[in-house]
C-alpha cells in the first residue's frame, strides 16, 4: 500500500503456542474504499475453552463492521476507536449472560489515515510499540497489577515480567466495569517508522532493544516469523498463544 511518500508493508503472525486452543485473534485491514487507510487489531481472549475465543472473535467482528463504515473525512478517529472498544465490550457481556461463560478480551487497535496520522487505543495487556528504525519511540502501558507496581516504583520492568501475578489485569473487555481506554496520537508517520501490535505471548519474551533490532533489520514477514519462533523457544514448553502485526513504512524510491 503506497501513500504520502512512503510504502506500507505489513505482516501478521499467529500461533497457539503450547496451549490447547487458540484464543488470540488479529486482523490487519485495508479500508474497502479509501486508499492509504488501514486498521490493525489484536485481541487476546480469556475465559474457558470457547469463552475466550468468542470474546476475541467479537472484537474482530465489531472492528470490521465499524471500520467498513468509517470515513476519514467525516469521522473522528478517536471516537471510532472508542466505539469499537465499547461495542465489543457490551456484546461480550451479553454473550456471557446467554452462554453462562466468562468471556473477556484485551484489545489493541491502531488506525492509519491517508494523511499519515495514526491513532491507537488499548485495554488490557496486549501492546502496541512504535519504533523509528531500531529506537523505541513509545509503547502502550499495560492495564495490569504489575504495571501499577512499576508505576509506583516498587518493581522494575524486568521484575514485573517474571512476577507470579503478571497475568492479573486491572481492566479489559467483558469485565464488570467499563474497560479502560488509553488513546495515543501520532501526528504524522514517517519513513522508517515501525508499528508492532501483539499479545503478551509475544512481548513477554523480549526487551525493547531486542524488538527494535529485529524489526529494523528484517522485513515484516521475516520479523513475525522470527519473533514467534524465538518466543516459542524461550517459553520452554509453557508458552501462551502468540499473535502480532508488524507494519513498516519505507520511503518510496
C-alpha atoms as a PDB file:
ATOM      1  CA  UNK A   1       0.000   0.000   0.000  1.00  0.00           C
ATOM      2  CA  UNK A   2       1.636   3.283  -1.132  1.00  0.00           C
ATOM      3  CA  UNK A   3       0.718   6.672   0.316  1.00  0.00           C
ATOM      4  CA  UNK A   4       2.158  10.063   1.263  1.00  0.00           C
ATOM      5  CA  UNK A   5       5.764   9.461   0.243  1.00  0.00           C
ATOM      6  CA  UNK A   6       6.112   6.007   1.741  1.00  0.00           C
ATOM      7  CA  UNK A   7       5.043   2.441   1.169  1.00  0.00           C
ATOM      8  CA  UNK A   8       3.329   0.486   3.928  1.00  0.00           C
ATOM      9  CA  UNK A   9       4.328  -3.160   4.169  1.00  0.00           C
ATOM     10  CA  UNK A  10       2.710  -5.361   6.796  1.00  0.00           C
ATOM     11  CA  UNK A  11       2.594  -8.905   8.064  1.00  0.00           C
ATOM     12  CA  UNK A  12       0.586 -10.794  10.658  1.00  0.00           C
ATOM     13  CA  UNK A  13       1.587 -13.887  12.604  1.00  0.00           C
ATOM     14  CA  UNK A  14      -0.402 -16.140  14.922  1.00  0.00           C
ATOM     15  CA  UNK A  15       0.427 -19.385  16.757  1.00  0.00           C
ATOM     16  CA  UNK A  16      -1.358 -21.264  19.538  1.00  0.00           C
ATOM     17  CA  UNK A  17       1.903 -21.734  21.454  1.00  0.00           C
ATOM     18  CA  UNK A  18       1.725 -24.572  23.976  1.00  0.00           C
ATOM     19  CA  UNK A  19      -1.959 -24.002  24.721  1.00  0.00           C
ATOM     20  CA  UNK A  20      -4.675 -26.467  23.784  1.00  0.00           C
ATOM     21  CA  UNK A  21      -6.638 -23.907  21.812  1.00  0.00           C
ATOM     22  CA  UNK A  22      -6.207 -20.531  20.137  1.00  0.00           C
ATOM     23  CA  UNK A  23      -7.907 -17.616  21.884  1.00  0.00           C
ATOM     24  CA  UNK A  24      -5.931 -14.780  20.255  1.00  0.00           C
ATOM     25  CA  UNK A  25      -7.353 -13.164  17.157  1.00  0.00           C
ATOM     26  CA  UNK A  26      -5.963 -10.454  14.902  1.00  0.00           C
ATOM     27  CA  UNK A  27      -6.638  -8.568  11.692  1.00  0.00           C
ATOM     28  CA  UNK A  28      -4.880  -6.013   9.525  1.00  0.00           C
ATOM     29  CA  UNK A  29      -7.452  -4.464   7.197  1.00  0.00           C
ATOM     30  CA  UNK A  30      -7.062  -2.073   4.294  1.00  0.00           C
ATOM     31  CA  UNK A  31     -10.122   0.172   4.024  1.00  0.00           C
ATOM     32  CA  UNK A  32     -12.581  -1.129   1.399  1.00  0.00           C
ATOM     33  CA  UNK A  33     -12.917   2.291  -0.285  1.00  0.00           C
ATOM     34  CA  UNK A  34     -10.088   4.571   0.840  1.00  0.00           C
ATOM     35  CA  UNK A  35      -6.504   4.044  -0.283  1.00  0.00           C
ATOM     36  CA  UNK A  36      -3.856   4.524   2.398  1.00  0.00           C
ATOM     37  CA  UNK A  37      -6.315   3.888   5.263  1.00  0.00           C
ATOM     38  CA  UNK A  38      -5.795   0.779   7.401  1.00  0.00           C
ATOM     39  CA  UNK A  39      -6.758  -0.704  10.772  1.00  0.00           C
ATOM     40  CA  UNK A  40      -4.766  -3.226  12.815  1.00  0.00           C
ATOM     41  CA  UNK A  41      -6.385  -5.071  15.744  1.00  0.00           C
ATOM     42  CA  UNK A  42      -5.104  -7.698  18.199  1.00  0.00           C
ATOM     43  CA  UNK A  43      -7.372  -9.312  20.823  1.00  0.00           C
ATOM     44  CA  UNK A  44      -6.283 -11.825  23.472  1.00  0.00           C
ATOM     45  CA  UNK A  45      -9.370 -13.729  24.616  1.00  0.00           C
ATOM     46  CA  UNK A  46      -9.768 -15.234  28.092  1.00  0.00           C
ATOM     47  CA  UNK A  47     -12.404 -17.393  29.733  1.00  0.00           C
ATOM     48  CA  UNK A  48     -12.504 -21.131  29.339  1.00  0.00           C
ATOM     49  CA  UNK A  49     -12.284 -23.254  26.249  1.00  0.00           C
ATOM     50  CA  UNK A  50     -14.689 -21.358  23.983  1.00  0.00           C
ATOM     51  CA  UNK A  51     -15.344 -18.219  26.037  1.00  0.00           C
ATOM     52  CA  UNK A  52     -12.054 -16.514  25.235  1.00  0.00           C
ATOM     53  CA  UNK A  53     -12.303 -17.271  21.533  1.00  0.00           C
ATOM     54  CA  UNK A  54     -15.886 -15.970  21.425  1.00  0.00           C
ATOM     55  CA  UNK A  55     -14.674 -12.737  23.014  1.00  0.00           C
ATOM     56  CA  UNK A  56     -11.749 -12.188  20.632  1.00  0.00           C
ATOM     57  CA  UNK A  57     -13.941 -13.102  17.628  1.00  0.00           C
ATOM     58  CA  UNK A  58     -16.426 -10.482  18.759  1.00  0.00           C
ATOM     59  CA  UNK A  59     -13.705  -7.817  18.902  1.00  0.00           C
ATOM     60  CA  UNK A  60     -12.735  -8.624  15.296  1.00  0.00           C
ATOM     61  CA  UNK A  61     -16.320  -8.580  14.039  1.00  0.00           C
ATOM     62  CA  UNK A  62     -17.081  -5.256  15.731  1.00  0.00           C
ATOM     63  CA  UNK A  63     -13.858  -3.672  14.454  1.00  0.00           C
ATOM     64  CA  UNK A  64     -14.526  -4.771  10.873  1.00  0.00           C
ATOM     65  CA  UNK A  65     -18.135  -3.570  10.849  1.00  0.00           C
ATOM     66  CA  UNK A  66     -17.256  -0.124  12.204  1.00  0.00           C
ATOM     67  CA  UNK A  67     -14.126   0.276  10.053  1.00  0.00           C
ATOM     68  CA  UNK A  68     -16.089  -0.565   6.887  1.00  0.00           C
ATOM     69  CA  UNK A  69     -18.366   2.405   7.642  1.00  0.00           C
ATOM     70  CA  UNK A  70     -15.521   4.737   8.669  1.00  0.00           C
ATOM     71  CA  UNK A  71     -14.765   7.846   6.600  1.00  0.00           C
ATOM     72  CA  UNK A  72     -11.552   9.792   7.378  1.00  0.00           C
ATOM     73  CA  UNK A  73     -13.139  12.983   6.006  1.00  0.00           C
ATOM     74  CA  UNK A  74     -16.199  12.904   8.247  1.00  0.00           C
ATOM     75  CA  UNK A  75     -15.472  10.708  11.275  1.00  0.00           C
ATOM     76  CA  UNK A  76     -13.327  11.378  14.327  1.00  0.00           C
ATOM     77  CA  UNK A  77     -10.665   8.607  14.648  1.00  0.00           C
ATOM     78  CA  UNK A  78     -10.561   8.521  18.490  1.00  0.00           C
ATOM     79  CA  UNK A  79     -14.376   8.269  18.531  1.00  0.00           C
ATOM     80  CA  UNK A  80     -14.400   5.307  16.142  1.00  0.00           C
ATOM     81  CA  UNK A  81     -11.720   3.515  18.201  1.00  0.00           C
ATOM     82  CA  UNK A  82     -13.645   4.124  21.428  1.00  0.00           C
ATOM     83  CA  UNK A  83     -16.804   2.877  19.734  1.00  0.00           C
ATOM     84  CA  UNK A  84     -15.056  -0.372  18.723  1.00  0.00           C
ATOM     85  CA  UNK A  85     -13.989  -0.954  22.346  1.00  0.00           C
ATOM     86  CA  UNK A  86     -17.363  -0.033  23.870  1.00  0.00           C
ATOM     87  CA  UNK A  87     -19.497  -2.037  21.437  1.00  0.00           C
ATOM     88  CA  UNK A  88     -17.273  -5.131  21.633  1.00  0.00           C
ATOM     89  CA  UNK A  89     -17.324  -4.875  25.451  1.00  0.00           C
ATOM     90  CA  UNK A  90     -21.144  -4.780  25.519  1.00  0.00           C
ATOM     91  CA  UNK A  91     -21.577  -7.703  23.127  1.00  0.00           C
ATOM     92  CA  UNK A  92     -19.044  -9.801  25.079  1.00  0.00           C
ATOM     93  CA  UNK A  93     -21.019  -9.111  28.274  1.00  0.00           C
ATOM     94  CA  UNK A  94     -24.246 -10.181  26.537  1.00  0.00           C
ATOM     95  CA  UNK A  95     -22.513 -13.373  25.327  1.00  0.00           C
ATOM     96  CA  UNK A  96     -21.582 -14.124  28.941  1.00  0.00           C
ATOM     97  CA  UNK A  97     -25.218 -13.838  30.054  1.00  0.00           C
ATOM     98  CA  UNK A  98     -26.542 -16.092  27.272  1.00  0.00           C
ATOM     99  CA  UNK A  99     -23.838 -18.757  27.477  1.00  0.00           C
ATOM    100  CA  UNK A 100     -23.042 -18.697  31.214  1.00  0.00           C
ATOM    101  CA  UNK A 101     -19.342 -18.362  30.456  1.00  0.00           C
ATOM    102  CA  UNK A 102     -16.933 -15.655  31.482  1.00  0.00           C
ATOM    103  CA  UNK A 103     -15.550 -14.340  28.201  1.00  0.00           C
ATOM    104  CA  UNK A 104     -13.106 -11.443  28.387  1.00  0.00           C
ATOM    105  CA  UNK A 105     -10.634  -9.942  25.949  1.00  0.00           C
ATOM    106  CA  UNK A 106      -7.851  -7.426  25.686  1.00  0.00           C
ATOM    107  CA  UNK A 107      -7.681  -5.119  22.674  1.00  0.00           C
ATOM    108  CA  UNK A 108      -5.081  -3.035  20.912  1.00  0.00           C
ATOM    109  CA  UNK A 109      -6.065  -1.227  17.713  1.00  0.00           C
ATOM    110  CA  UNK A 110      -4.259   1.295  15.534  1.00  0.00           C
ATOM    111  CA  UNK A 111      -5.813   3.335  12.731  1.00  0.00           C
ATOM    112  CA  UNK A 112      -3.671   4.805   9.936  1.00  0.00           C
ATOM    113  CA  UNK A 113      -5.239   7.611   7.884  1.00  0.00           C
ATOM    114  CA  UNK A 114      -4.258   8.542   4.304  1.00  0.00           C
ATOM    115  CA  UNK A 115      -2.801  11.869   5.585  1.00  0.00           C
ATOM    116  CA  UNK A 116      -0.216   9.966   7.671  1.00  0.00           C
ATOM    117  CA  UNK A 117      -1.936  10.358  11.045  1.00  0.00           C
ATOM    118  CA  UNK A 118      -2.031   7.346  13.311  1.00  0.00           C
ATOM    119  CA  UNK A 119      -4.310   6.843  16.313  1.00  0.00           C
ATOM    120  CA  UNK A 120      -4.255   3.919  18.701  1.00  0.00           C
ATOM    121  CA  UNK A 121      -6.266   2.598  21.651  1.00  0.00           C
ATOM    122  CA  UNK A 122      -5.783  -0.230  24.114  1.00  0.00           C
ATOM    123  CA  UNK A 123      -7.364  -2.029  27.058  1.00  0.00           C
ATOM    124  CA  UNK A 124      -5.592  -4.817  28.958  1.00  0.00           C
ATOM    125  CA  UNK A 125      -2.042  -6.096  28.489  1.00  0.00           C
ATOM    126  CA  UNK A 126      -1.750  -6.552  24.730  1.00  0.00           C
ATOM    127  CA  UNK A 127       0.655  -3.894  23.440  1.00  0.00           C
ATOM    128  CA  UNK A 128       1.475  -1.535  20.610  1.00  0.00           C
ATOM    129  CA  UNK A 129       5.098  -0.478  20.088  1.00  0.00           C
ATOM    130  CA  UNK A 130       6.163   2.447  17.900  1.00  0.00           C
ATOM    131  CA  UNK A 131       9.785   2.328  16.745  1.00  0.00           C
ATOM    132  CA  UNK A 132      11.698   4.659  14.463  1.00  0.00           C
ATOM    133  CA  UNK A 133      14.412   2.496  12.980  1.00  0.00           C
ATOM    134  CA  UNK A 134      15.554   0.414  15.964  1.00  0.00           C
ATOM    135  CA  UNK A 135      14.758   3.082  18.602  1.00  0.00           C
ATOM    136  CA  UNK A 136      11.631   2.805  20.741  1.00  0.00           C
ATOM    137  CA  UNK A 137       9.508   5.963  20.462  1.00  0.00           C
ATOM    138  CA  UNK A 138       6.538   4.896  22.619  1.00  0.00           C
ATOM    139  CA  UNK A 139       4.566   1.880  23.743  1.00  0.00           C
ATOM    140  CA  UNK A 140       1.255   1.282  25.464  1.00  0.00           C
ATOM    141  CA  UNK A 141       1.296   0.814  29.247  1.00  0.00           C
ATOM    142  CA  UNK A 142      -0.490  -2.346  30.394  1.00  0.00           C
ATOM    143  CA  UNK A 143      -3.656  -2.216  32.469  1.00  0.00           C
ATOM    144  CA  UNK A 144      -2.228  -4.832  34.820  1.00  0.00           C
ATOM    145  CA  UNK A 145      -1.476  -5.303  38.501  1.00  0.00           C
ATOM    146  CA  UNK A 146       2.301  -5.454  37.947  1.00  0.00           C
ATOM    147  CA  UNK A 147       2.262  -2.270  35.828  1.00  0.00           C
ATOM    148  CA  UNK A 148       0.725  -0.398  38.783  1.00  0.00           C
ATOM    149  CA  UNK A 149       3.648  -1.664  40.911  1.00  0.00           C
ATOM    150  CA  UNK A 150       6.121  -0.496  38.242  1.00  0.00           C
ATOM    151  CA  UNK A 151       4.383   2.926  38.131  1.00  0.00           C
ATOM    152  CA  UNK A 152       4.760   3.193  41.918  1.00  0.00           C
ATOM    153  CA  UNK A 153       8.460   2.312  41.702  1.00  0.00           C
ATOM    154  CA  UNK A 154       8.003  -0.983  43.580  1.00  0.00           C
ATOM    155  CA  UNK A 155       9.086  -3.201  40.652  1.00  0.00           C
ATOM    156  CA  UNK A 156      11.338  -2.809  37.637  1.00  0.00           C
ATOM    157  CA  UNK A 157      10.069  -3.762  34.150  1.00  0.00           C
ATOM    158  CA  UNK A 158      12.243  -6.895  34.262  1.00  0.00           C
ATOM    159  CA  UNK A 159      10.900  -7.908  37.701  1.00  0.00           C
ATOM    160  CA  UNK A 160       7.322  -7.309  36.516  1.00  0.00           C
ATOM    161  CA  UNK A 161       7.887  -9.680  33.598  1.00  0.00           C
ATOM    162  CA  UNK A 162       8.657 -12.647  35.886  1.00  0.00           C
ATOM    163  CA  UNK A 163       6.281 -11.697  38.719  1.00  0.00           C
ATOM    164  CA  UNK A 164       3.904 -14.563  39.675  1.00  0.00           C
ATOM    165  CA  UNK A 165       0.913 -12.205  39.327  1.00  0.00           C
ATOM    166  CA  UNK A 166       1.957 -10.710  35.985  1.00  0.00           C
ATOM    167  CA  UNK A 167      -1.214 -12.046  34.321  1.00  0.00           C
ATOM    168  CA  UNK A 168      -3.666 -10.172  36.588  1.00  0.00           C
ATOM    169  CA  UNK A 169      -5.447  -7.436  34.600  1.00  0.00           C
ATOM    170  CA  UNK A 170      -6.876  -4.221  36.046  1.00  0.00           C
ATOM    171  CA  UNK A 171      -9.199  -3.775  33.069  1.00  0.00           C
ATOM    172  CA  UNK A 172     -10.335  -5.497  29.874  1.00  0.00           C
ATOM    173  CA  UNK A 173     -13.407  -6.069  27.688  1.00  0.00           C
ATOM    174  CA  UNK A 174     -16.284  -8.126  29.087  1.00  0.00           C
ATOM    175  CA  UNK A 175     -15.497  -7.412  32.751  1.00  0.00           C
ATOM    176  CA  UNK A 176     -17.969  -5.965  35.241  1.00  0.00           C
ATOM    177  CA  UNK A 177     -16.571  -2.443  34.921  1.00  0.00           C
ATOM    178  CA  UNK A 178     -16.232  -0.479  31.699  1.00  0.00           C
ATOM    179  CA  UNK A 179     -12.848  -1.101  30.071  1.00  0.00           C
ATOM    180  CA  UNK A 180     -10.065   1.460  30.379  1.00  0.00           C
ATOM    181  CA  UNK A 181      -9.402   3.184  27.057  1.00  0.00           C
ATOM    182  CA  UNK A 182      -5.985   4.775  26.628  1.00  0.00           C
ATOM    183  CA  UNK A 183      -5.594   6.696  23.373  1.00  0.00           C
ATOM    184  CA  UNK A 184      -2.440   7.904  21.630  1.00  0.00           C
ATOM    185  CA  UNK A 185      -1.939  10.095  18.558  1.00  0.00           C
ATOM    186  CA  UNK A 186       0.968  10.240  16.098  1.00  0.00           C
ATOM    187  CA  UNK A 187       0.508  13.392  14.018  1.00  0.00           C
ATOM    188  CA  UNK A 188       2.481  12.132  11.035  1.00  0.00           C
ATOM    189  CA  UNK A 189       4.069   8.755  10.407  1.00  0.00           C
ATOM    190  CA  UNK A 190       7.472   8.941   8.716  1.00  0.00           C
ATOM    191  CA  UNK A 191       9.512   6.595   6.522  1.00  0.00           C
ATOM    192  CA  UNK A 192      11.494   4.443   8.969  1.00  0.00           C
ATOM    193  CA  UNK A 193       8.575   4.155  11.420  1.00  0.00           C
ATOM    194  CA  UNK A 194       7.559   0.673  12.550  1.00  0.00           C
ATOM    195  CA  UNK A 195       4.412  -0.307  14.450  1.00  0.00           C
ATOM    196  CA  UNK A 196       4.017  -3.630  16.201  1.00  0.00           C
ATOM    197  CA  UNK A 197       0.800  -4.762  17.913  1.00  0.00           C
ATOM    198  CA  UNK A 198       0.971  -8.031  19.855  1.00  0.00           C
ATOM    199  CA  UNK A 199      -0.420 -10.154  22.666  1.00  0.00           C
ATOM    200  CA  UNK A 200       1.543 -10.838  25.870  1.00  0.00           C
ATOM    201  CA  UNK A 201       2.518 -14.242  24.480  1.00  0.00           C
ATOM    202  CA  UNK A 202       4.954 -12.325  22.262  1.00  0.00           C
ATOM    203  CA  UNK A 203       6.206  -9.277  24.216  1.00  0.00           C
ATOM    204  CA  UNK A 204       6.761 -11.265  27.411  1.00  0.00           C
ATOM    205  CA  UNK A 205       9.958 -12.757  25.940  1.00  0.00           C
ATOM    206  CA  UNK A 206      11.703  -9.643  24.592  1.00  0.00           C
ATOM    207  CA  UNK A 207      13.053  -6.320  25.800  1.00  0.00           C
ATOM    208  CA  UNK A 208      12.553  -3.216  23.628  1.00  0.00           C
ATOM    209  CA  UNK A 209      16.179  -3.237  22.423  1.00  0.00           C
ATOM    210  CA  UNK A 210      15.806  -6.768  21.057  1.00  0.00           C
ATOM    211  CA  UNK A 211      12.493  -5.932  19.419  1.00  0.00           C
ATOM    212  CA  UNK A 212      13.907  -2.777  17.843  1.00  0.00           C
ATOM    213  CA  UNK A 213      16.855  -4.535  16.260  1.00  0.00           C
ATOM    214  CA  UNK A 214      14.719  -7.412  14.908  1.00  0.00           C
ATOM    215  CA  UNK A 215      12.046  -5.116  13.483  1.00  0.00           C
ATOM    216  CA  UNK A 216      14.552  -2.708  11.918  1.00  0.00           C
ATOM    217  CA  UNK A 217      16.688  -5.367  10.255  1.00  0.00           C
ATOM    218  CA  UNK A 218      14.045  -7.788   8.924  1.00  0.00           C
ATOM    219  CA  UNK A 219      11.037  -7.480   6.616  1.00  0.00           C
ATOM    220  CA  UNK A 220       7.628  -7.624   8.375  1.00  0.00           C
ATOM    221  CA  UNK A 221       7.140 -11.251   7.250  1.00  0.00           C
ATOM    222  CA  UNK A 222      10.623 -12.293   8.430  1.00  0.00           C
ATOM    223  CA  UNK A 223      10.189 -10.383  11.710  1.00  0.00           C
ATOM    224  CA  UNK A 224       6.858 -12.033  12.570  1.00  0.00           C
ATOM    225  CA  UNK A 225       8.264 -15.494  11.843  1.00  0.00           C
ATOM    226  CA  UNK A 226      11.473 -14.843  13.788  1.00  0.00           C
ATOM    227  CA  UNK A 227       9.709 -13.397  16.864  1.00  0.00           C
ATOM    228  CA  UNK A 228       7.220 -16.271  17.055  1.00  0.00           C
ATOM    229  CA  UNK A 229      10.000 -18.846  16.701  1.00  0.00           C
ATOM    230  CA  UNK A 230      12.205 -17.146  19.314  1.00  0.00           C
ATOM    231  CA  UNK A 231       9.298 -16.660  21.781  1.00  0.00           C
ATOM    232  CA  UNK A 232       8.398 -20.342  21.344  1.00  0.00           C
ATOM    233  CA  UNK A 233      11.930 -21.460  22.195  1.00  0.00           C
ATOM    234  CA  UNK A 234      12.201 -19.066  25.171  1.00  0.00           C
ATOM    235  CA  UNK A 235       8.879 -20.352  26.590  1.00  0.00           C
ATOM    236  CA  UNK A 236      10.406 -23.836  27.113  1.00  0.00           C
ATOM    237  CA  UNK A 237       7.108 -25.613  26.511  1.00  0.00           C
ATOM    238  CA  UNK A 238       4.956 -23.272  28.613  1.00  0.00           C
ATOM    239  CA  UNK A 239       4.102 -20.621  26.033  1.00  0.00           C
ATOM    240  CA  UNK A 240       0.814 -18.753  25.675  1.00  0.00           C
ATOM    241  CA  UNK A 241      -0.994 -18.073  22.379  1.00  0.00           C
ATOM    242  CA  UNK A 242       1.038 -15.632  20.262  1.00  0.00           C
ATOM    243  CA  UNK A 243      -0.224 -13.021  17.824  1.00  0.00           C
ATOM    244  CA  UNK A 244       1.389  -9.967  16.261  1.00  0.00           C
ATOM    245  CA  UNK A 245       1.059  -7.416  13.473  1.00  0.00           C
ATOM    246  CA  UNK A 246       4.158  -5.682  12.111  1.00  0.00           C
ATOM    247  CA  UNK A 247       3.821  -2.590   9.893  1.00  0.00           C
ATOM    248  CA  UNK A 248       6.826  -0.846   8.332  1.00  0.00           C
ATOM    249  CA  UNK A 249       6.892   2.467   6.480  1.00  0.00           C
ATOM    250  CA  UNK A 250       9.521   2.524   3.758  1.00  0.00           C
ATOM    251  CA  UNK A 251      10.459   5.582   1.715  1.00  0.00           C
ATOM    252  CA  UNK A 252       9.381   5.458  -1.921  1.00  0.00           C
ATOM    253  CA  UNK A 253      12.373   5.337  -4.272  1.00  0.00           C
END
